Amino acid sequence: MTRVKRGVMKMKRRRNVLKRTKGFRFARSKKEAAAKEAIAHAGNYAFRDRRTKKRINRALWNVRINAAVRPHGMSYSTFIHALKKKGVSLDRKVLSHLAAEHPQVFERILKNLA
């Protein structure tokens, strides 16, 4: 049986693991075993939080829309209901952007609902 020397592949694997943990703190960026565990957890968190991000953003849009319609004597729920009745198909992301960045346009939408 021929002899297998594993130095090249072992170093390549080690470099790859440590490259992925660059910027992590303490042993997690320097020691291979801790780095492997850190990569596994980071992957789990990334997968979970890609979904959480959508939830958080939608909540933020709702809060922004609510804050924009309150001075006009309307609540978020009545505003959304009025949009649905009128057949306006703007989503919450766009409405939130308009409320924050272009308040004049948002006010025109509000006036058309009344």
C-alpha atoms as a PDB file:
ATOM      1  CA  MET A   1       0.000   0.000   0.000  1.00  0.00           C
ATOM      2  CA  THR A   2       1.304   3.445  -0.849  1.00  0.00           C
ATOM      3  CA  ARG A   3       1.818   6.045   1.787  1.00  0.00           C
ATOM      4  CA  VAL A   4      -0.588   9.025   1.874  1.00  0.00           C
ATOM      5  CA  LYS A   5       0.734  12.315   3.168  1.00  0.00           C
ATOM      6  CA  ARG A   6      -2.112  14.620   4.168  1.00  0.00           C
ATOM      7  CA  GLY A   7      -0.269  17.864   4.860  1.00  0.00           C
ATOM      8  CA  VAL A   8      -1.339  19.765   1.730  1.00  0.00           C
ATOM      9  CA  MET A   9      -5.063  18.980   1.947  1.00  0.00           C
ATOM     10  CA  LYS A  10      -5.135  19.461   5.719  1.00  0.00           C
ATOM     11  CA  MET A  11      -3.612  22.928   5.417  1.00  0.00           C
ATOM     12  CA  LYS A  12      -5.949  23.794   2.545  1.00  0.00           C
ATOM     13  CA  ARG A  13      -8.982  22.794   4.631  1.00  0.00           C
ATOM     14  CA  ARG A  14      -7.666  24.658   7.663  1.00  0.00           C
ATOM     15  CA  ARG A  15      -7.046  27.829   5.641  1.00  0.00           C
ATOM     16  CA  ASN A  16     -10.543  27.631   4.174  1.00  0.00           C
ATOM     17  CA  VAL A  17     -12.135  27.286   7.628  1.00  0.00           C
ATOM     18  CA  LEU A  18     -10.078  30.116   9.110  1.00  0.00           C
ATOM     19  CA  LYS A  19     -10.774  32.351   6.112  1.00  0.00           C
ATOM     20  CA  ARG A  20     -14.518  31.955   6.715  1.00  0.00           C
ATOM     21  CA  THR A  21     -14.136  32.982  10.369  1.00  0.00           C
ATOM     22  CA  LYS A  22     -12.078  36.084   9.663  1.00  0.00           C
ATOM     23  CA  GLY A  23     -13.325  38.881  11.913  1.00  0.00           C
ATOM     24  CA  PHE A  24     -14.682  36.537  14.579  1.00  0.00           C
ATOM     25  CA  ARG A  25     -13.396  37.092  18.124  1.00  0.00           C
ATOM     26  CA  PHE A  26     -10.954  35.115  20.245  1.00  0.00           C
ATOM     27  CA  ALA A  27     -10.322  31.418  19.488  1.00  0.00           C
ATOM     28  CA  ARG A  28     -13.180  31.335  16.993  1.00  0.00           C
ATOM     29  CA  SER A  29     -10.951  32.971  14.393  1.00  0.00           C
ATOM     30  CA  LYS A  30      -7.676  31.254  15.261  1.00  0.00           C
ATOM     31  CA  LYS A  31      -8.298  27.649  16.301  1.00  0.00           C
ATOM     32  CA  GLU A  32      -9.690  25.172  13.837  1.00  0.00           C
ATOM     33  CA  ALA A  33     -12.051  23.293  16.166  1.00  0.00           C
ATOM     34  CA  ALA A  34     -13.628  26.474  17.573  1.00  0.00           C
ATOM     35  CA  ALA A  35     -13.779  27.954  14.074  1.00  0.00           C
ATOM     36  CA  LYS A  36     -15.673  24.940  12.695  1.00  0.00           C
ATOM     37  CA  GLU A  37     -18.250  25.249  15.467  1.00  0.00           C
ATOM     38  CA  ALA A  38     -18.532  28.994  14.867  1.00  0.00           C
ATOM     39  CA  ILE A  39     -19.150  28.400  11.148  1.00  0.00           C
ATOM     40  CA  ALA A  40     -21.910  25.892  11.919  1.00  0.00           C
ATOM     41  CA  HIS A  41     -23.670  28.275  14.297  1.00  0.00           C
ATOM     42  CA  ALA A  42     -23.212  31.238  11.959  1.00  0.00           C
ATOM     43  CA  GLY A  43     -24.857  29.250   9.176  1.00  0.00           C
ATOM     44  CA  ASN A  44     -27.825  28.404  11.371  1.00  0.00           C
ATOM     45  CA  TYR A  45     -28.257  32.003  12.454  1.00  0.00           C
ATOM     46  CA  ALA A  46     -27.972  33.256   8.876  1.00  0.00           C
ATOM     47  CA  PHE A  47     -30.629  30.797   7.688  1.00  0.00           C
ATOM     48  CA  ARG A  48     -32.982  31.673  10.549  1.00  0.00           C
ATOM     49  CA  ASP A  49     -32.500  35.414  10.284  1.00  0.00           C
ATOM     50  CA  ARG A  50     -33.116  35.595   6.544  1.00  0.00           C
ATOM     51  CA  ARG A  51     -36.709  34.810   7.485  1.00  0.00           C
ATOM     52  CA  THR A  52     -36.734  36.982  10.619  1.00  0.00           C
ATOM     53  CA  LYS A  53     -35.545  39.973   8.576  1.00  0.00           C
ATOM     54  CA  LYS A  54     -38.702  39.850   6.468  1.00  0.00           C
ATOM     55  CA  ARG A  55     -40.864  39.860   9.609  1.00  0.00           C
ATOM     56  CA  ILE A  56     -38.972  42.762  11.170  1.00  0.00           C
ATOM     57  CA  ASN A  57     -39.083  44.847   7.991  1.00  0.00           C
ATOM     58  CA  ARG A  58     -42.823  44.391   7.577  1.00  0.00           C
ATOM     59  CA  ALA A  59     -43.370  45.507  11.190  1.00  0.00           C
ATOM     60  CA  LEU A  60     -41.207  48.582  10.527  1.00  0.00           C
ATOM     61  CA  TRP A  61     -43.206  49.446   7.403  1.00  0.00           C
ATOM     62  CA  ASN A  62     -46.456  49.163   9.383  1.00  0.00           C
ATOM     63  CA  VAL A  63     -45.141  51.480  12.098  1.00  0.00           C
ATOM     64  CA  ARG A  64     -43.994  54.066   9.532  1.00  0.00           C
ATOM     65  CA  ILE A  65     -47.334  54.016   7.719  1.00  0.00           C
ATOM     66  CA  ASN A  66     -49.202  54.344  11.012  1.00  0.00           C
ATOM     67  CA  ALA A  67     -47.030  57.307  12.039  1.00  0.00           C
ATOM     68  CA  ALA A  68     -47.711  58.990   8.689  1.00  0.00           C
ATOM     69  CA  VAL A  69     -51.513  58.568   8.752  1.00  0.00           C
ATOM     70  CA  ARG A  70     -52.112  59.491  12.431  1.00  0.00           C
ATOM     71  CA  PRO A  71     -51.769  63.288  11.904  1.00  0.00           C
ATOM     72  CA  HIS A  72     -54.533  63.023   9.284  1.00  0.00           C
ATOM     73  CA  GLY A  73     -56.972  61.514  11.787  1.00  0.00           C
ATOM     74  CA  MET A  74     -56.736  57.978  10.520  1.00  0.00           C
ATOM     75  CA  SER A  75     -55.375  54.744  11.973  1.00  0.00           C
ATOM     76  CA  TYR A  76     -53.228  52.194  10.174  1.00  0.00           C
ATOM     77  CA  SER A  77     -56.019  49.635   9.928  1.00  0.00           C
ATOM     78  CA  THR A  78     -58.597  52.082   8.532  1.00  0.00           C
ATOM     79  CA  PHE A  79     -56.006  53.328   6.029  1.00  0.00           C
ATOM     80  CA  ILE A  80     -55.235  49.808   4.779  1.00  0.00           C
ATOM     81  CA  HIS A  81     -58.961  49.012   4.639  1.00  0.00           C
ATOM     82  CA  ALA A  82     -59.617  52.156   2.580  1.00  0.00           C
ATOM     83  CA  LEU A  83     -56.801  51.232   0.192  1.00  0.00           C
ATOM     84  CA  LYS A  84     -58.290  47.776  -0.331  1.00  0.00           C
ATOM     85  CA  LYS A  85     -61.776  49.207  -0.935  1.00  0.00           C
ATOM     86  CA  LYS A  86     -60.430  51.685  -3.528  1.00  0.00           C
ATOM     87  CA  GLY A  87     -58.387  48.952  -5.226  1.00  0.00           C
ATOM     88  CA  VAL A  88     -55.006  50.603  -4.665  1.00  0.00           C
ATOM     89  CA  SER A  89     -52.393  47.889  -5.092  1.00  0.00           C
ATOM     90  CA  LEU A  90     -49.391  49.574  -3.471  1.00  0.00           C
ATOM     91  CA  ASP A  91     -47.685  47.294  -0.974  1.00  0.00           C
ATOM     92  CA  ARG A  92     -46.593  48.279   2.508  1.00  0.00           C
ATOM     93  CA  LYS A  93     -42.947  48.640   1.523  1.00  0.00           C
ATOM     94  CA  VAL A  94     -43.750  51.231  -1.143  1.00  0.00           C
ATOM     95  CA  LEU A  95     -46.246  53.041   1.102  1.00  0.00           C
ATOM     96  CA  SER A  96     -43.667  53.201   3.887  1.00  0.00           C
ATOM     97  CA  HIS A  97     -41.046  54.587   1.501  1.00  0.00           C
ATOM     98  CA  LEU A  98     -43.468  57.207   0.234  1.00  0.00           C
ATOM     99  CA  ALA A  99     -44.436  58.191   3.780  1.00  0.00           C
ATOM    100  CA  ALA A 100     -40.806  58.588   4.852  1.00  0.00           C
ATOM    101  CA  GLU A 101     -39.160  59.989   1.712  1.00  0.00           C
ATOM    102  CA  HIS A 102     -41.986  61.670  -0.248  1.00  0.00           C
ATOM    103  CA  PRO A 103     -44.628  62.947   2.202  1.00  0.00           C
ATOM    104  CA  GLN A 104     -46.359  65.122  -0.448  1.00  0.00           C
ATOM    105  CA  VAL A 105     -47.077  62.084  -2.614  1.00  0.00           C
ATOM    106  CA  PHE A 106     -48.281  60.152   0.426  1.00  0.00           C
ATOM    107  CA  GLU A 107     -50.660  62.995   1.330  1.00  0.00           C
ATOM    108  CA  ARG A 108     -52.091  62.924  -2.194  1.00  0.00           C
ATOM    109  CA  ILE A 109     -52.811  59.206  -1.751  1.00  0.00           C
ATOM    110  CA  LEU A 110     -54.545  60.005   1.559  1.00  0.00           C
ATOM    111  CA  LYS A 111     -56.681  62.733  -0.051  1.00  0.00           C
ATOM    112  CA  ASN A 112     -57.785  60.387  -2.832  1.00  0.00           C
ATOM    113  CA  LEU A 113     -59.011  57.894  -0.225  1.00  0.00           C
ATOM    114  CA  ALA A 114     -61.235  60.380   1.581  1.00  0.00           C
END
